[in-house]
Protein backbone atom coordinates (compact mmCIF):
# COMPACT_ATOMS: atom_id res chain seq x y z
CA MET A 1 61.90 -23.44 114.27
CA SER A 2 63.02 -19.84 114.46
CA ASN A 3 63.23 -17.83 111.25
CA SER A 4 66.59 -16.30 112.14
CA THR A 5 68.55 -14.18 109.69
CA ASN A 6 72.16 -14.71 108.60
CA PRO A 7 74.85 -12.05 109.26
CA SER A 8 74.15 -10.40 105.87
CA GLY A 9 70.59 -9.74 106.91
CA LEU A 10 69.07 -12.13 104.29
CA SER A 11 66.65 -14.81 105.33
CA ARG A 12 66.80 -18.31 103.85
CA ARG A 13 63.48 -17.70 102.09
CA THR A 14 64.65 -14.43 100.56
CA PHE A 15 67.91 -16.00 99.41
CA MET A 16 66.20 -18.95 97.69
CA THR A 17 63.61 -16.74 96.01
CA GLY A 18 66.33 -14.48 94.62
CA SER A 19 68.40 -17.43 93.32
CA VAL A 20 65.48 -18.96 91.45
CA THR A 21 64.56 -15.63 89.89
CA ALA A 22 68.14 -15.03 88.75
CA ALA A 23 68.44 -18.52 87.26
CA ALA A 24 65.22 -18.09 85.29
CA ALA A 25 66.46 -14.80 83.89
CA VAL A 26 69.67 -16.28 82.40
CA PRO A 27 68.13 -18.10 79.39
CA LEU A 28 65.94 -15.07 78.71
CA MET A 29 69.00 -12.84 78.62
CA ALA A 30 70.85 -15.32 76.41
CA THR A 31 67.89 -15.53 74.03
CA SER A 32 67.69 -11.76 73.84
CA THR A 33 71.40 -11.54 73.16
CA ARG A 34 71.22 -14.13 70.38
CA ALA A 35 68.25 -12.42 68.80
CA ALA A 36 70.12 -9.14 68.77
CA GLU A 37 73.07 -10.63 66.90
CA PRO A 38 72.83 -10.02 63.14
CA SER A 39 72.35 -13.18 61.08
CA PRO A 40 74.92 -13.82 58.36
CA ALA A 41 73.86 -12.42 54.99
CA ARG A 42 72.98 -14.93 52.27
CA ALA A 43 74.55 -13.75 49.07
CA VAL A 44 72.33 -15.12 46.33
CA GLU A 45 73.41 -13.51 43.10
CA PRO A 46 72.65 -14.66 39.57
CA ARG A 47 75.56 -15.97 37.58
CA ASP A 48 76.87 -13.81 34.81
CA LEU A 49 75.49 -14.64 31.40
CA SER A 50 77.64 -15.00 28.32
CA THR A 51 76.49 -13.74 24.95
CA ILE A 52 77.23 -16.34 22.30
CA SER A 53 76.53 -16.65 18.60
CA LEU A 54 75.37 -19.94 17.13
CA ARG A 55 74.41 -20.94 13.63
CA ILE A 56 71.56 -23.41 13.89
CA ASN A 57 70.04 -24.88 10.75
CA LYS A 58 71.80 -22.15 8.70
CA GLN A 59 70.25 -19.38 10.76
CA ALA A 60 72.19 -17.09 13.11
CA TYR A 61 71.18 -16.86 16.77
CA THR A 62 72.58 -14.62 19.50
CA LEU A 63 71.84 -16.00 22.96
CA ALA A 64 72.56 -14.84 26.51
CA LEU A 65 73.27 -18.05 28.40
CA ASP A 66 74.68 -19.28 31.66
CA ASN A 67 78.05 -20.85 30.85
CA ARG A 68 76.75 -24.15 32.25
CA THR A 69 73.91 -24.39 29.70
CA SER A 70 74.19 -27.49 27.56
CA LEU A 71 73.75 -27.29 23.82
CA LEU A 72 70.67 -29.48 24.27
CA ASP A 73 69.02 -27.05 26.70
CA ALA A 74 69.98 -24.09 24.52
CA LEU A 75 68.27 -25.69 21.54
CA ARG A 76 65.14 -26.75 23.39
CA ASP A 77 64.64 -24.03 26.00
CA HIS A 78 66.19 -20.95 24.40
CA VAL A 79 65.68 -21.46 20.67
CA GLY A 80 62.50 -23.53 20.79
CA LEU A 81 63.77 -26.42 18.65
CA THR A 82 62.30 -29.32 20.58
CA GLY A 83 62.91 -31.98 17.94
CA THR A 84 66.16 -32.85 19.70
CA LYS A 85 65.10 -35.01 22.63
CA LYS A 86 66.35 -35.18 26.19
CA GLY A 87 66.55 -38.83 27.10
CA CYS A 88 69.06 -39.87 29.75
CA ASP A 89 70.87 -36.48 29.89
CA HIS A 90 74.06 -38.48 30.51
CA GLY A 91 75.22 -39.18 26.95
CA GLN A 92 74.15 -42.81 27.04
CA CYS A 93 71.02 -43.02 24.88
CA GLY A 94 71.76 -40.87 21.81
CA ALA A 95 68.33 -39.20 21.72
CA CYS A 96 69.98 -35.77 21.79
CA THR A 97 72.29 -36.34 18.81
CA VAL A 98 72.82 -33.35 16.51
CA LEU A 99 75.40 -32.53 13.88
CA VAL A 100 78.03 -29.89 14.63
CA ASP A 101 80.05 -28.95 11.55
CA GLY A 102 78.76 -32.20 10.06
CA LYS A 103 79.94 -34.42 12.92
CA ARG A 104 77.74 -36.29 15.39
CA VAL A 105 77.60 -34.68 18.82
CA LEU A 106 75.69 -35.64 21.96
CA SER A 107 74.23 -32.25 22.72
CA CYS A 108 73.53 -33.04 26.38
CA LEU A 109 77.30 -33.41 26.97
CA SER A 110 78.37 -30.30 25.05
CA PHE A 111 78.17 -26.81 26.53
CA ALA A 112 76.53 -24.28 24.25
CA VAL A 113 79.47 -21.88 24.65
CA MET A 114 81.78 -24.54 23.20
CA ASN A 115 79.89 -24.38 19.90
CA GLN A 116 80.12 -20.66 19.27
CA GLY A 117 80.48 -19.92 15.57
CA ARG A 118 79.91 -23.55 14.57
CA GLU A 119 77.17 -24.86 12.30
CA VAL A 120 74.64 -26.87 14.30
CA THR A 121 72.10 -29.00 12.45
CA THR A 122 69.05 -30.45 14.17
CA VAL A 123 66.31 -32.68 12.82
CA GLU A 124 64.23 -29.56 12.05
CA GLY A 125 66.90 -28.43 9.62
CA LEU A 126 66.78 -31.53 7.41
CA THR A 127 63.54 -30.92 5.55
CA SER A 128 63.91 -28.64 2.55
CA ALA A 129 62.01 -25.39 2.17
CA ASP A 130 59.50 -27.08 -0.16
CA GLY A 131 58.83 -29.84 2.37
CA GLU A 132 60.95 -32.57 0.77
CA LEU A 133 62.32 -35.00 3.33
CA HIS A 134 65.99 -35.84 3.68
CA PRO A 135 66.75 -39.31 2.24
CA VAL A 136 67.29 -40.69 5.76
CA GLN A 137 63.97 -39.27 6.94
CA GLN A 138 62.19 -40.76 3.95
CA ALA A 139 63.87 -44.12 4.47
CA PHE A 140 62.74 -44.20 8.10
CA VAL A 141 59.19 -43.64 6.91
CA ASP A 142 59.48 -46.24 4.15
CA HIS A 143 60.81 -48.91 6.51
CA ASP A 144 58.67 -47.99 9.51
CA ALA A 145 61.90 -47.58 11.46
CA PHE A 146 60.25 -46.23 14.60
CA GLN A 147 57.47 -47.08 17.01
CA CYS A 148 57.06 -44.58 19.85
CA GLY A 149 59.29 -42.17 17.91
CA TYR A 150 61.07 -40.61 20.89
CA CYS A 151 64.54 -41.77 19.82
CA THR A 152 63.87 -41.16 16.12
CA PRO A 153 65.35 -37.63 15.79
CA GLY A 154 68.60 -38.79 17.36
CA GLN A 155 68.59 -41.98 15.28
CA ILE A 156 68.12 -39.96 12.08
CA MET A 157 70.87 -37.45 12.90
CA SER A 158 73.24 -40.24 13.89
CA ALA A 159 72.39 -42.19 10.73
CA ILE A 160 73.30 -39.15 8.59
CA GLY A 161 76.59 -38.87 10.41
CA CYS A 162 77.22 -42.58 10.06
CA ILE A 163 76.71 -42.44 6.28
CA ASP A 164 78.73 -39.24 5.82
CA GLU A 165 81.59 -40.64 7.90
CA GLY A 166 81.77 -43.72 5.64
CA HIS A 167 80.74 -46.11 8.40
CA ALA A 168 77.70 -47.58 6.69
CA GLY A 169 79.51 -50.07 4.48
CA SER A 170 77.75 -53.14 5.84
CA GLU A 171 74.96 -54.07 8.23
CA ASP A 172 77.53 -54.97 10.88
CA ASP A 173 79.24 -51.59 10.42
CA ILE A 174 75.91 -49.82 10.79
CA ARG A 175 75.09 -51.72 13.96
CA GLU A 176 78.51 -50.92 15.38
CA TYR A 177 78.52 -47.22 14.56
CA MET A 178 74.88 -46.74 15.55
CA SER A 179 75.29 -48.60 18.84
CA GLY A 180 75.27 -45.36 20.81
CA ASN A 181 71.64 -44.75 19.84
CA LEU A 182 69.22 -46.81 21.89
CA CYS A 183 65.68 -47.75 20.88
CA ARG A 184 63.49 -48.98 23.71
CA CYS A 185 60.99 -50.27 21.15
CA ALA A 186 63.72 -52.44 19.53
CA ALA A 187 63.14 -51.24 15.97
CA TYR A 188 66.78 -51.97 15.16
CA PRO A 189 66.28 -54.22 12.07
CA ASN A 190 64.11 -51.57 10.43
CA ILE A 191 66.58 -48.83 11.34
CA VAL A 192 69.42 -50.75 9.69
CA ALA A 193 67.31 -51.33 6.57
CA ALA A 194 66.43 -47.63 6.44
CA ILE A 195 70.07 -46.60 6.66
CA ILE A 196 71.03 -48.96 3.84
CA GLN A 197 68.32 -47.48 1.61
CA ALA A 198 69.36 -43.92 2.44
CA ARG A 199 73.04 -44.76 1.95
CA ASP A 200 72.42 -46.11 -1.54
CA GLU A 201 70.24 -43.15 -2.49
CA ILE A 202 72.83 -40.66 -1.25
CA ARG A 203 75.56 -42.45 -3.17
CA ARG A 204 73.52 -42.24 -6.37
CA ALA A 205 72.83 -38.53 -5.94
C-alpha cells in the first residue's frame, strides 16, 4: 500500500499521532486550570462571648460565655461546681436540678445568660460554713436515700423546692412533685421518707 499524502501535506500517521497527543493534553490543561482557581475561603470565626454576672451560692461571678452555654455547663465547666450532675442533658432525669431564686430549675435546659442577676443555689451551697448539713441532706443520710449517688444532688435540690413550694403534704404529693427526678437505683421509698423527715424538721424550725 502506498503511503500517499493528503492535499494538506499530512500523512495518515502524522494526523493520528497529532490527534492522540492533543487529546491527552486536554485533561492536563483542565487539571492545571482547576488547580489555578482559588478555593473558596472557609470563614471559621469564634462566636462573640457575652459577659454575664451570676450570683451562685451567695457569691458573685462574672463569666465570659458563649450565648449558647447552658447554666449546667457554666456551673460545671466555668465555675467548677461539679456537684450538679449532667445526666440526660435533655431535661428528663432531673440530675441537673438547681434552685434559681428559690425555684427548681433544670439547669441543662436553661441558658446561663437567662439567669443574669439571679440567685443560683447548687448542692455545694447547702452546707453551712461550719459544716452543718441542710435538713434535707441530713435526712438523705439518715434514711440511706441513695445508692450510686449520681442523682442525689438533683434529688436533694428538688426536694428542697418541693418542701418550700408546699408540695410535700403527703407521700402521694411528694411522689407526684418529685416525679421529674429519676433514680436508676430505685431508692424512691427512702427518698420519700427522707423528705417527710426534712419537711417536719423545717416546719418546726
